[in-house]
Amino acid sequence: MQWQGRRRSTNVEDRRGAGGGGGFTGRRAGIAGGGLGAVALIVLYLIFGGDLSQILQGSPETVPGTETTSLPAQSGGELSASDQEMGDFVSVVLADIEDVWGARFKAMGRTYREPKLVLFSGATESACGYASAAVGPFYCPGDEKVYLDLAYFDDMQRQLGFEGDFALAYVIAHEVGHHIQNQLGIMDEVSSLQQRVGKTQANDLSVRLELQADFLAGVWAHYARKTQGFIDTADIEEGMNAASAVGDDRIQKQQQGYVVPDSFTHGTSAQRVRWFRKGLDTGDIEQGDTFNAARL
């Protein structure tokens, strides 16, 4: 990606150099009650795996083999030149995502609320509760922020075998996809329905929610590749590889040697690539109704 010299977002909250970040002072939002509780079922949904039952129990999972040894609080101190560069990259990607979705929402007669993106190291606080590096990237509708530990992303790349800067851009675009779903009321509807059905059906709804976020990431990429010199065919291939690497079937196969389709919460590798590709090819948000799709 040719990202240097481009506009940077003002919506990046970089906590990596801050001391503290420490203990959890509130409680993790539960599924009971109204307000935030209505969407808490999917608050900490991980892009890279996880079991719905674990979220219901307030115990998010990591991707198998990517466990970290990060301290339970941020260590503080100066950021290295590499850390600063990664922060700049994230800011440029988020700025382009803002431009694309601002224009898409305007075309729909809506106003796009730009989310914040929080970079942290080790652990931090969110409106959805305490977040450690092991949680992985997530979107919290309570404060409309995306949370990302870049060290976790590095670990993921090594363990899952994908690489390239566009893979990180895909991760960010996917999480912002959840923000789009939140603004459009989709997350509320899914959460409400999940509370009224069994586990297998709830997992199926989660798969459809995640695949739609992949589709929305593809919609962003559709417009981003029209920006002169920003992304190219090789970058798109990196995004496809990342989507394939985080399929439930591939992760389960690596973890336990077999797959259990009824337990899928994010979709297979083929499904994740297919919906990212559909968003990339069409650029049309109306084409992303995963909930009524006969074939995922």
C-alpha atoms as a PDB file:
ATOM      1  CA  MET A   1       0.000   0.000   0.000  1.00  0.00           C
ATOM      2  CA  GLN A   2       1.242   3.465  -0.911  1.00  0.00           C
ATOM      3  CA  TRP A   3       0.026   5.179   2.232  1.00  0.00           C
ATOM      4  CA  GLN A   4       2.753   7.680   3.077  1.00  0.00           C
ATOM      5  CA  GLY A   5       1.858  11.335   2.608  1.00  0.00           C
ATOM      6  CA  ARG A   6      -1.893  10.757   2.745  1.00  0.00           C
ATOM      7  CA  ARG A   7      -4.439  12.281   5.111  1.00  0.00           C
ATOM      8  CA  ARG A   8      -4.443  10.952   8.646  1.00  0.00           C
ATOM      9  CA  SER A   9      -7.527  10.521  10.753  1.00  0.00           C
ATOM     10  CA  THR A  10      -7.984  12.590  13.888  1.00  0.00           C
ATOM     11  CA  ASN A  11     -10.011   9.736  15.396  1.00  0.00           C
ATOM     12  CA  VAL A  12      -7.084   7.566  16.515  1.00  0.00           C
ATOM     13  CA  GLU A  13      -6.656   7.390  20.264  1.00  0.00           C
ATOM     14  CA  ASP A  14      -3.150   6.094  20.878  1.00  0.00           C
ATOM     15  CA  ARG A  15      -2.783   4.706  24.400  1.00  0.00           C
ATOM     16  CA  ARG A  16       0.353   2.696  23.715  1.00  0.00           C
ATOM     17  CA  GLY A  17       2.733   5.189  25.314  1.00  0.00           C
ATOM     18  CA  ALA A  18       0.544   5.916  28.317  1.00  0.00           C
ATOM     19  CA  GLY A  19       1.213   4.451  31.728  1.00  0.00           C
ATOM     20  CA  GLY A  20      -1.474   2.533  33.572  1.00  0.00           C
ATOM     21  CA  GLY A  21      -4.492   1.345  31.674  1.00  0.00           C
ATOM     22  CA  GLY A  22      -4.696  -1.092  34.479  1.00  0.00           C
ATOM     23  CA  GLY A  23      -7.409  -2.686  36.485  1.00  0.00           C
ATOM     24  CA  PHE A  24     -10.963  -3.226  35.475  1.00  0.00           C
ATOM     25  CA  THR A  25     -13.071  -0.668  37.334  1.00  0.00           C
ATOM     26  CA  GLY A  26     -16.527  -1.440  35.947  1.00  0.00           C
ATOM     27  CA  ARG A  27     -18.354  -4.619  35.100  1.00  0.00           C
ATOM     28  CA  ARG A  28     -18.567  -6.338  31.760  1.00  0.00           C
ATOM     29  CA  ALA A  29     -21.927  -5.625  30.175  1.00  0.00           C
ATOM     30  CA  GLY A  30     -24.273  -8.561  30.546  1.00  0.00           C
ATOM     31  CA  ILE A  31     -27.075  -9.737  28.279  1.00  0.00           C
ATOM     32  CA  ALA A  32     -29.836  -8.776  30.682  1.00  0.00           C
ATOM     33  CA  GLY A  33     -31.562  -5.429  30.807  1.00  0.00           C
ATOM     34  CA  GLY A  34     -31.917  -2.679  28.235  1.00  0.00           C
ATOM     35  CA  GLY A  35     -29.656  -0.113  26.652  1.00  0.00           C
ATOM     36  CA  LEU A  36     -26.133  -1.446  26.198  1.00  0.00           C
ATOM     37  CA  GLY A  37     -27.241  -4.801  27.556  1.00  0.00           C
ATOM     38  CA  ALA A  38     -29.374  -5.327  24.462  1.00  0.00           C
ATOM     39  CA  VAL A  39     -26.314  -5.568  22.262  1.00  0.00           C
ATOM     40  CA  ALA A  40     -23.870  -6.994  24.768  1.00  0.00           C
ATOM     41  CA  LEU A  41     -24.193 -10.473  23.248  1.00  0.00           C
ATOM     42  CA  ILE A  42     -21.988  -9.319  20.376  1.00  0.00           C
ATOM     43  CA  VAL A  43     -20.067  -6.518  22.057  1.00  0.00           C
ATOM     44  CA  LEU A  44     -16.755  -8.328  22.272  1.00  0.00           C
ATOM     45  CA  TYR A  45     -17.157 -10.524  19.207  1.00  0.00           C
ATOM     46  CA  LEU A  46     -13.732 -11.347  17.877  1.00  0.00           C
ATOM     47  CA  ILE A  47     -12.899 -11.099  14.219  1.00  0.00           C
ATOM     48  CA  PHE A  48     -10.445 -13.970  14.599  1.00  0.00           C
ATOM     49  CA  GLY A  49     -12.522 -16.647  16.270  1.00  0.00           C
ATOM     50  CA  GLY A  50     -14.386 -17.258  19.462  1.00  0.00           C
ATOM     51  CA  ASP A  51     -17.354 -19.159  20.796  1.00  0.00           C
ATOM     52  CA  LEU A  52     -20.710 -17.550  21.486  1.00  0.00           C
ATOM     53  CA  SER A  53     -20.936 -19.441  24.769  1.00  0.00           C
ATOM     54  CA  GLN A  54     -17.638 -17.958  25.866  1.00  0.00           C
ATOM     55  CA  ILE A  55     -18.990 -14.454  25.316  1.00  0.00           C
ATOM     56  CA  LEU A  56     -22.163 -15.269  27.206  1.00  0.00           C
ATOM     57  CA  GLN A  57     -19.957 -16.344  30.093  1.00  0.00           C
ATOM     58  CA  GLY A  58     -17.832 -13.203  29.857  1.00  0.00           C
ATOM     59  CA  SER A  59     -14.719 -15.145  28.852  1.00  0.00           C
ATOM     60  CA  PRO A  60     -13.482 -14.239  25.363  1.00  0.00           C
ATOM     61  CA  GLU A  61     -11.158 -16.573  23.539  1.00  0.00           C
ATOM     62  CA  THR A  62      -8.056 -16.003  21.495  1.00  0.00           C
ATOM     63  CA  VAL A  63      -7.119 -17.559  18.207  1.00  0.00           C
ATOM     64  CA  PRO A  64      -5.547 -20.944  18.920  1.00  0.00           C
ATOM     65  CA  GLY A  65      -1.789 -20.633  19.102  1.00  0.00           C
ATOM     66  CA  THR A  66      -1.720 -16.841  19.326  1.00  0.00           C
ATOM     67  CA  GLU A  67      -1.772 -16.454  23.076  1.00  0.00           C
ATOM     68  CA  THR A  68       0.366 -13.577  24.268  1.00  0.00           C
ATOM     69  CA  THR A  69       2.347 -12.911  27.422  1.00  0.00           C
ATOM     70  CA  SER A  70       1.525  -9.227  27.584  1.00  0.00           C
ATOM     71  CA  LEU A  71       1.439  -7.578  30.988  1.00  0.00           C
ATOM     72  CA  PRO A  72      -2.010  -6.860  32.401  1.00  0.00           C
ATOM     73  CA  ALA A  73      -1.407  -3.136  32.057  1.00  0.00           C
ATOM     74  CA  GLN A  74       0.341  -0.846  29.640  1.00  0.00           C
ATOM     75  CA  SER A  75       3.967  -0.310  30.487  1.00  0.00           C
ATOM     76  CA  GLY A  76       4.264   3.303  29.345  1.00  0.00           C
ATOM     77  CA  GLY A  77       7.321   4.924  27.858  1.00  0.00           C
ATOM     78  CA  GLU A  78       8.313   6.270  24.464  1.00  0.00           C
ATOM     79  CA  LEU A  79       7.146   4.660  21.266  1.00  0.00           C
ATOM     80  CA  SER A  80       9.782   3.291  18.912  1.00  0.00           C
ATOM     81  CA  ALA A  81      10.092   4.609  15.366  1.00  0.00           C
ATOM     82  CA  SER A  82       8.457   1.388  14.132  1.00  0.00           C
ATOM     83  CA  ASP A  83       5.565   1.802  16.574  1.00  0.00           C
ATOM     84  CA  GLN A  84       5.085   5.379  15.448  1.00  0.00           C
ATOM     85  CA  GLU A  85       5.063   4.300  11.811  1.00  0.00           C
ATOM     86  CA  MET A  86       2.421   1.671  12.502  1.00  0.00           C
ATOM     87  CA  GLY A  87       0.304   4.286  14.240  1.00  0.00           C
ATOM     88  CA  ASP A  88       0.638   6.534  11.211  1.00  0.00           C
ATOM     89  CA  PHE A  89      -0.381   3.689   8.907  1.00  0.00           C
ATOM     90  CA  VAL A  90      -3.472   2.908  10.974  1.00  0.00           C
ATOM     91  CA  SER A  91      -4.405   6.592  10.943  1.00  0.00           C
ATOM     92  CA  VAL A  92      -4.149   6.803   7.146  1.00  0.00           C
ATOM     93  CA  VAL A  93      -6.244   3.654   6.654  1.00  0.00           C
ATOM     94  CA  LEU A  94      -8.897   4.925   9.061  1.00  0.00           C
ATOM     95  CA  ALA A  95      -8.983   8.276   7.246  1.00  0.00           C
ATOM     96  CA  ASP A  96      -9.711   6.556   3.944  1.00  0.00           C
ATOM     97  CA  ILE A  97     -12.394   4.412   5.567  1.00  0.00           C
ATOM     98  CA  GLU A  98     -13.959   7.611   6.924  1.00  0.00           C
ATOM     99  CA  ASP A  99     -13.972   9.174   3.459  1.00  0.00           C
ATOM    100  CA  VAL A 100     -15.579   6.140   1.855  1.00  0.00           C
ATOM    101  CA  TRP A 101     -18.321   5.632   4.435  1.00  0.00           C
ATOM    102  CA  GLY A 102     -18.980   9.343   4.784  1.00  0.00           C
ATOM    103  CA  ALA A 103     -19.747   9.426   1.056  1.00  0.00           C
ATOM    104  CA  ARG A 104     -21.763   6.183   1.134  1.00  0.00           C
ATOM    105  CA  PHE A 105     -23.941   7.386   4.011  1.00  0.00           C
ATOM    106  CA  LYS A 106     -24.476  10.744   2.339  1.00  0.00           C
ATOM    107  CA  ALA A 107     -25.660   8.917  -0.782  1.00  0.00           C
ATOM    108  CA  MET A 108     -28.167   7.081   1.434  1.00  0.00           C
ATOM    109  CA  GLY A 109     -29.384  10.352   2.941  1.00  0.00           C
ATOM    110  CA  ARG A 110     -27.730   9.593   6.270  1.00  0.00           C
ATOM    111  CA  THR A 111     -24.968  11.148   8.355  1.00  0.00           C
ATOM    112  CA  TYR A 112     -21.995   8.919   9.146  1.00  0.00           C
ATOM    113  CA  ARG A 113     -20.746   9.010  12.719  1.00  0.00           C
ATOM    114  CA  GLU A 114     -17.024   8.355  12.600  1.00  0.00           C
ATOM    115  CA  PRO A 115     -15.819   5.799  15.162  1.00  0.00           C
ATOM    116  CA  LYS A 116     -12.715   6.209  17.263  1.00  0.00           C
ATOM    117  CA  LEU A 117      -9.907   3.667  16.943  1.00  0.00           C
ATOM    118  CA  VAL A 118      -7.981   2.914  20.123  1.00  0.00           C
ATOM    119  CA  LEU A 119      -4.440   1.550  19.883  1.00  0.00           C
ATOM    120  CA  PHE A 120      -3.294  -0.068  23.104  1.00  0.00           C
ATOM    121  CA  SER A 121      -0.579  -2.336  24.445  1.00  0.00           C
ATOM    122  CA  GLY A 122      -1.211  -5.077  26.960  1.00  0.00           C
ATOM    123  CA  ALA A 123      -4.563  -3.972  28.331  1.00  0.00           C
ATOM    124  CA  THR A 124      -6.962  -1.068  28.400  1.00  0.00           C
ATOM    125  CA  GLU A 125     -10.456   0.004  29.432  1.00  0.00           C
ATOM    126  CA  SER A 126     -13.488   0.193  27.171  1.00  0.00           C
ATOM    127  CA  ALA A 127     -17.162   0.947  27.663  1.00  0.00           C
ATOM    128  CA  CYS A 128     -17.647  -2.807  27.237  1.00  0.00           C
ATOM    129  CA  GLY A 129     -15.260  -3.658  30.050  1.00  0.00           C
ATOM    130  CA  TYR A 130     -11.633  -4.586  30.478  1.00  0.00           C
ATOM    131  CA  ALA A 131      -9.745  -5.491  27.288  1.00  0.00           C
ATOM    132  CA  SER A 132      -6.474  -7.409  27.258  1.00  0.00           C
ATOM    133  CA  ALA A 133      -4.192  -8.157  24.342  1.00  0.00           C
ATOM    134  CA  ALA A 134      -5.552 -11.718  24.290  1.00  0.00           C
ATOM    135  CA  VAL A 135      -9.038 -10.470  23.362  1.00  0.00           C
ATOM    136  CA  GLY A 136      -7.921  -9.428  19.896  1.00  0.00           C
ATOM    137  CA  PRO A 137      -9.454  -6.671  17.767  1.00  0.00           C
ATOM    138  CA  PHE A 138     -13.041  -5.792  18.659  1.00  0.00           C
ATOM    139  CA  TYR A 139     -15.678  -3.121  18.278  1.00  0.00           C
ATOM    140  CA  CYS A 140     -17.537  -1.791  21.300  1.00  0.00           C
ATOM    141  CA  PRO A 141     -20.932  -0.239  20.494  1.00  0.00           C
ATOM    142  CA  GLY A 142     -21.081   1.285  23.983  1.00  0.00           C
ATOM    143  CA  ASP A 143     -18.491   3.906  23.088  1.00  0.00           C
ATOM    144  CA  GLU A 144     -18.416   3.364  19.293  1.00  0.00           C
ATOM    145  CA  LYS A 145     -14.716   2.570  19.343  1.00  0.00           C
ATOM    146  CA  VAL A 146     -12.563  -0.063  17.641  1.00  0.00           C
ATOM    147  CA  TYR A 147      -9.854  -1.536  19.902  1.00  0.00           C
ATOM    148  CA  LEU A 148      -6.636  -2.898  18.467  1.00  0.00           C
ATOM    149  CA  ASP A 149      -3.392  -4.182  19.932  1.00  0.00           C
ATOM    150  CA  LEU A 150      -0.846  -4.211  17.102  1.00  0.00           C
ATOM    151  CA  ALA A 151       1.389  -6.713  18.900  1.00  0.00           C
ATOM    152  CA  TYR A 152      -1.494  -9.175  18.827  1.00  0.00           C
ATOM    153  CA  PHE A 153      -1.803  -8.638  15.101  1.00  0.00           C
ATOM    154  CA  ASP A 154       1.906  -9.455  14.687  1.00  0.00           C
ATOM    155  CA  ASP A 155       1.401 -12.690  16.625  1.00  0.00           C
ATOM    156  CA  MET A 156      -1.565 -13.575  14.443  1.00  0.00           C
ATOM    157  CA  GLN A 157       0.390 -13.066  11.262  1.00  0.00           C
ATOM    158  CA  ARG A 158       3.095 -15.454  12.458  1.00  0.00           C
ATOM    159  CA  GLN A 159       0.692 -18.133  13.668  1.00  0.00           C
ATOM    160  CA  LEU A 160      -1.915 -18.007  10.898  1.00  0.00           C
ATOM    161  CA  GLY A 161       0.492 -17.519   8.030  1.00  0.00           C
ATOM    162  CA  PHE A 162      -0.683 -14.346   6.324  1.00  0.00           C
ATOM    163  CA  GLU A 163       1.274 -11.158   5.777  1.00  0.00           C
ATOM    164  CA  GLY A 164       1.210  -7.677   4.290  1.00  0.00           C
ATOM    165  CA  ASP A 165       0.043  -4.261   5.407  1.00  0.00           C
ATOM    166  CA  PHE A 166      -3.291  -4.614   3.642  1.00  0.00           C
ATOM    167  CA  ALA A 167      -4.121  -7.542   5.919  1.00  0.00           C
ATOM    168  CA  LEU A 168      -4.135  -5.074   8.826  1.00  0.00           C
ATOM    169  CA  ALA A 169      -6.221  -2.646   6.753  1.00  0.00           C
ATOM    170  CA  TYR A 170      -8.739  -5.477   6.223  1.00  0.00           C
ATOM    171  CA  VAL A 171      -8.909  -6.056   9.985  1.00  0.00           C
ATOM    172  CA  ILE A 172      -9.629  -2.377  10.614  1.00  0.00           C
ATOM    173  CA  ALA A 173     -12.208  -2.215   7.820  1.00  0.00           C
ATOM    174  CA  HIS A 174     -13.948  -5.332   9.182  1.00  0.00           C
ATOM    175  CA  GLU A 175     -14.227  -3.846  12.667  1.00  0.00           C
ATOM    176  CA  VAL A 176     -15.530  -0.575  11.236  1.00  0.00           C
ATOM    177  CA  GLY A 177     -18.021  -2.790   9.403  1.00  0.00           C
ATOM    178  CA  HIS A 178     -19.447  -3.637  12.820  1.00  0.00           C
ATOM    179  CA  HIS A 179     -19.731   0.091  13.478  1.00  0.00           C
ATOM    180  CA  ILE A 180     -21.756   0.405  10.266  1.00  0.00           C
ATOM    181  CA  GLN A 181     -23.999  -2.438  11.462  1.00  0.00           C
ATOM    182  CA  ASN A 182     -24.421  -0.670  14.787  1.00  0.00           C
ATOM    183  CA  GLN A 183     -25.451   2.588  13.128  1.00  0.00           C
ATOM    184  CA  LEU A 184     -27.931   0.838  10.858  1.00  0.00           C
ATOM    185  CA  GLY A 185     -29.534  -1.002  13.784  1.00  0.00           C
ATOM    186  CA  ILE A 186     -28.456  -4.435  12.573  1.00  0.00           C
ATOM    187  CA  MET A 187     -26.537  -5.317  15.731  1.00  0.00           C
ATOM    188  CA  ASP A 188     -29.562  -4.597  17.932  1.00  0.00           C
ATOM    189  CA  GLU A 189     -31.811  -6.748  15.781  1.00  0.00           C
ATOM    190  CA  VAL A 190     -29.373  -9.664  15.732  1.00  0.00           C
ATOM    191  CA  SER A 191     -28.742  -9.510  19.468  1.00  0.00           C
ATOM    192  CA  SER A 192     -32.455  -9.452  20.230  1.00  0.00           C
ATOM    193  CA  LEU A 193     -33.078 -12.454  18.005  1.00  0.00           C
ATOM    194  CA  GLN A 194     -30.098 -14.381  19.411  1.00  0.00           C
ATOM    195  CA  GLN A 195     -31.610 -14.187  22.876  1.00  0.00           C
ATOM    196  CA  ARG A 196     -34.747 -15.951  21.654  1.00  0.00           C
ATOM    197  CA  VAL A 197     -33.191 -18.883  19.801  1.00  0.00           C
ATOM    198  CA  GLY A 198     -30.988 -21.853  20.564  1.00  0.00           C
ATOM    199  CA  LYS A 199     -27.217 -21.947  20.451  1.00  0.00           C
ATOM    200  CA  THR A 200     -26.929 -23.369  16.919  1.00  0.00           C
ATOM    201  CA  GLN A 201     -29.244 -20.696  15.531  1.00  0.00           C
ATOM    202  CA  ALA A 202     -27.466 -18.010  17.518  1.00  0.00           C
ATOM    203  CA  ASN A 203     -24.163 -19.155  16.051  1.00  0.00           C
ATOM    204  CA  ASP A 204     -25.658 -19.000  12.556  1.00  0.00           C
ATOM    205  CA  LEU A 205     -26.733 -15.398  13.176  1.00  0.00           C
ATOM    206  CA  SER A 206     -23.231 -14.594  14.371  1.00  0.00           C
ATOM    207  CA  VAL A 207     -21.768 -16.072  11.194  1.00  0.00           C
ATOM    208  CA  ARG A 208     -24.074 -13.926   9.083  1.00  0.00           C
ATOM    209  CA  LEU A 209     -23.180 -10.829  11.106  1.00  0.00           C
ATOM    210  CA  GLU A 210     -19.450 -11.454  10.666  1.00  0.00           C
ATOM    211  CA  LEU A 211     -19.737 -12.239   6.961  1.00  0.00           C
ATOM    212  CA  GLN A 212     -21.620  -8.998   6.473  1.00  0.00           C
ATOM    213  CA  ALA A 213     -18.743  -7.169   8.182  1.00  0.00           C
ATOM    214  CA  ASP A 214     -16.382  -8.884   5.723  1.00  0.00           C
ATOM    215  CA  PHE A 215     -18.630  -7.698   2.898  1.00  0.00           C
ATOM    216  CA  LEU A 216     -18.525  -4.138   4.237  1.00  0.00           C
ATOM    217  CA  ALA A 217     -14.734  -4.332   4.406  1.00  0.00           C
ATOM    218  CA  GLY A 218     -14.854  -5.306   0.743  1.00  0.00           C
ATOM    219  CA  VAL A 219     -17.079  -2.326  -0.071  1.00  0.00           C
ATOM    220  CA  TRP A 220     -14.457  -0.032   1.451  1.00  0.00           C
ATOM    221  CA  ALA A 221     -11.726  -1.769  -0.595  1.00  0.00           C
ATOM    222  CA  HIS A 222     -13.842  -1.302  -3.753  1.00  0.00           C
ATOM    223  CA  TYR A 223     -13.622   2.459  -3.401  1.00  0.00           C
ATOM    224  CA  ALA A 224     -10.157   2.542  -1.866  1.00  0.00           C
ATOM    225  CA  ARG A 225      -8.613   0.915  -4.924  1.00  0.00           C
ATOM    226  CA  LYS A 226     -10.019   3.760  -7.034  1.00  0.00           C
ATOM    227  CA  THR A 227      -7.799   6.169  -5.109  1.00  0.00           C
ATOM    228  CA  GLN A 228      -4.726   6.835  -7.227  1.00  0.00           C
ATOM    229  CA  GLY A 229      -1.738   4.793  -6.092  1.00  0.00           C
ATOM    230  CA  PHE A 230      -3.266   3.700  -2.783  1.00  0.00           C
ATOM    231  CA  ILE A 231      -3.823  -0.047  -3.140  1.00  0.00           C
ATOM    232  CA  ASP A 232      -3.132  -2.504  -5.940  1.00  0.00           C
ATOM    233  CA  THR A 233      -3.865  -6.094  -6.932  1.00  0.00           C
ATOM    234  CA  ALA A 234      -1.211  -7.478  -4.586  1.00  0.00           C
ATOM    235  CA  ASP A 235      -2.815  -5.659  -1.664  1.00  0.00           C
ATOM    236  CA  ILE A 236      -6.207  -7.144  -2.490  1.00  0.00           C
ATOM    237  CA  GLU A 237      -4.615 -10.602  -2.551  1.00  0.00           C
ATOM    238  CA  GLU A 238      -3.256  -9.965   0.946  1.00  0.00           C
ATOM    239  CA  GLY A 239      -6.778  -9.156   2.096  1.00  0.00           C
ATOM    240  CA  MET A 240      -8.096 -12.380   0.571  1.00  0.00           C
ATOM    241  CA  ASN A 241      -5.374 -14.372   2.296  1.00  0.00           C
ATOM    242  CA  ALA A 242      -6.185 -12.774   5.634  1.00  0.00           C
ATOM    243  CA  ALA A 243      -9.919 -13.497   5.235  1.00  0.00           C
ATOM    244  CA  SER A 244      -9.136 -17.108   4.362  1.00  0.00           C
ATOM    245  CA  ALA A 245      -6.736 -17.509   7.286  1.00  0.00           C
ATOM    246  CA  VAL A 246      -9.365 -16.618   9.864  1.00  0.00           C
ATOM    247  CA  GLY A 247     -12.142 -18.966   8.694  1.00  0.00           C
ATOM    248  CA  ASP A 248     -13.688 -21.047  11.472  1.00  0.00           C
ATOM    249  CA  ASP A 249     -12.975 -24.279   9.612  1.00  0.00           C
ATOM    250  CA  ARG A 250      -9.301 -23.500   9.166  1.00  0.00           C
ATOM    251  CA  ILE A 251      -8.851 -22.388  12.789  1.00  0.00           C
ATOM    252  CA  GLN A 252     -10.684 -25.419  14.173  1.00  0.00           C
ATOM    253  CA  LYS A 253      -8.672 -27.740  11.934  1.00  0.00           C
ATOM    254  CA  GLN A 254      -5.446 -26.228  13.245  1.00  0.00           C
ATOM    255  CA  GLN A 255      -6.630 -26.387  16.840  1.00  0.00           C
ATOM    256  CA  GLN A 256      -8.285 -29.790  17.113  1.00  0.00           C
ATOM    257  CA  GLY A 257      -7.782 -31.564  13.805  1.00  0.00           C
ATOM    258  CA  TYR A 258     -11.461 -31.552  12.818  1.00  0.00           C
ATOM    259  CA  VAL A 259     -14.260 -29.046  12.294  1.00  0.00           C
ATOM    260  CA  VAL A 260     -17.685 -28.652  13.925  1.00  0.00           C
ATOM    261  CA  PRO A 261     -19.870 -26.562  11.575  1.00  0.00           C
ATOM    262  CA  ASP A 262     -22.643 -26.005  14.130  1.00  0.00           C
ATOM    263  CA  SER A 263     -20.128 -24.200  16.353  1.00  0.00           C
ATOM    264  CA  PHE A 264     -18.984 -21.754  13.658  1.00  0.00           C
ATOM    265  CA  THR A 265     -19.400 -18.110  14.642  1.00  0.00           C
ATOM    266  CA  HIS A 266     -17.534 -16.293  11.844  1.00  0.00           C
ATOM    267  CA  GLY A 267     -17.871 -18.427   8.727  1.00  0.00           C
ATOM    268  CA  THR A 268     -15.592 -20.708   6.763  1.00  0.00           C
ATOM    269  CA  SER A 269     -12.525 -19.495   4.911  1.00  0.00           C
ATOM    270  CA  ALA A 270     -14.363 -19.771   1.597  1.00  0.00           C
ATOM    271  CA  GLN A 271     -17.364 -17.842   2.923  1.00  0.00           C
ATOM    272  CA  ARG A 272     -15.242 -15.033   4.331  1.00  0.00           C
ATOM    273  CA  VAL A 273     -13.361 -14.653   1.066  1.00  0.00           C
ATOM    274  CA  ARG A 274     -16.604 -14.851  -0.952  1.00  0.00           C
ATOM    275  CA  TRP A 275     -18.315 -12.029   0.933  1.00  0.00           C
ATOM    276  CA  PHE A 276     -15.222  -9.830   1.015  1.00  0.00           C
ATOM    277  CA  ARG A 277     -14.932 -10.382  -2.720  1.00  0.00           C
ATOM    278  CA  LYS A 278     -18.605  -9.575  -3.276  1.00  0.00           C
ATOM    279  CA  GLY A 279     -18.220  -6.234  -1.511  1.00  0.00           C
ATOM    280  CA  LEU A 280     -15.027  -5.556  -3.430  1.00  0.00           C
ATOM    281  CA  ASP A 281     -16.610  -6.350  -6.800  1.00  0.00           C
ATOM    282  CA  THR A 282     -19.932  -4.542  -6.325  1.00  0.00           C
ATOM    283  CA  GLY A 283     -19.220  -1.662  -3.970  1.00  0.00           C
ATOM    284  CA  ASP A 284     -22.973  -1.763  -3.346  1.00  0.00           C
ATOM    285  CA  ILE A 285     -24.100  -1.957   0.272  1.00  0.00           C
ATOM    286  CA  GLU A 286     -27.491  -3.276  -0.882  1.00  0.00           C
ATOM    287  CA  GLN A 287     -25.782  -6.491  -2.045  1.00  0.00           C
ATOM    288  CA  GLY A 288     -24.660  -7.415   1.482  1.00  0.00           C
ATOM    289  CA  ASP A 289     -27.792  -8.928   3.016  1.00  0.00           C
ATOM    290  CA  THR A 290     -26.194 -12.027   4.478  1.00  0.00           C
ATOM    291  CA  PHE A 291     -29.216 -12.664   6.703  1.00  0.00           C
ATOM    292  CA  ASN A 292     -31.508 -13.500   3.794  1.00  0.00           C
ATOM    293  CA  ALA A 293     -28.886 -15.094   1.586  1.00  0.00           C
ATOM    294  CA  ALA A 294     -29.727 -18.677   0.600  1.00  0.00           C
ATOM    295  CA  ARG A 295     -26.033 -19.439   0.121  1.00  0.00           C
ATOM    296  CA  LEU A 296     -23.310 -18.099   2.368  1.00  0.00           C
END
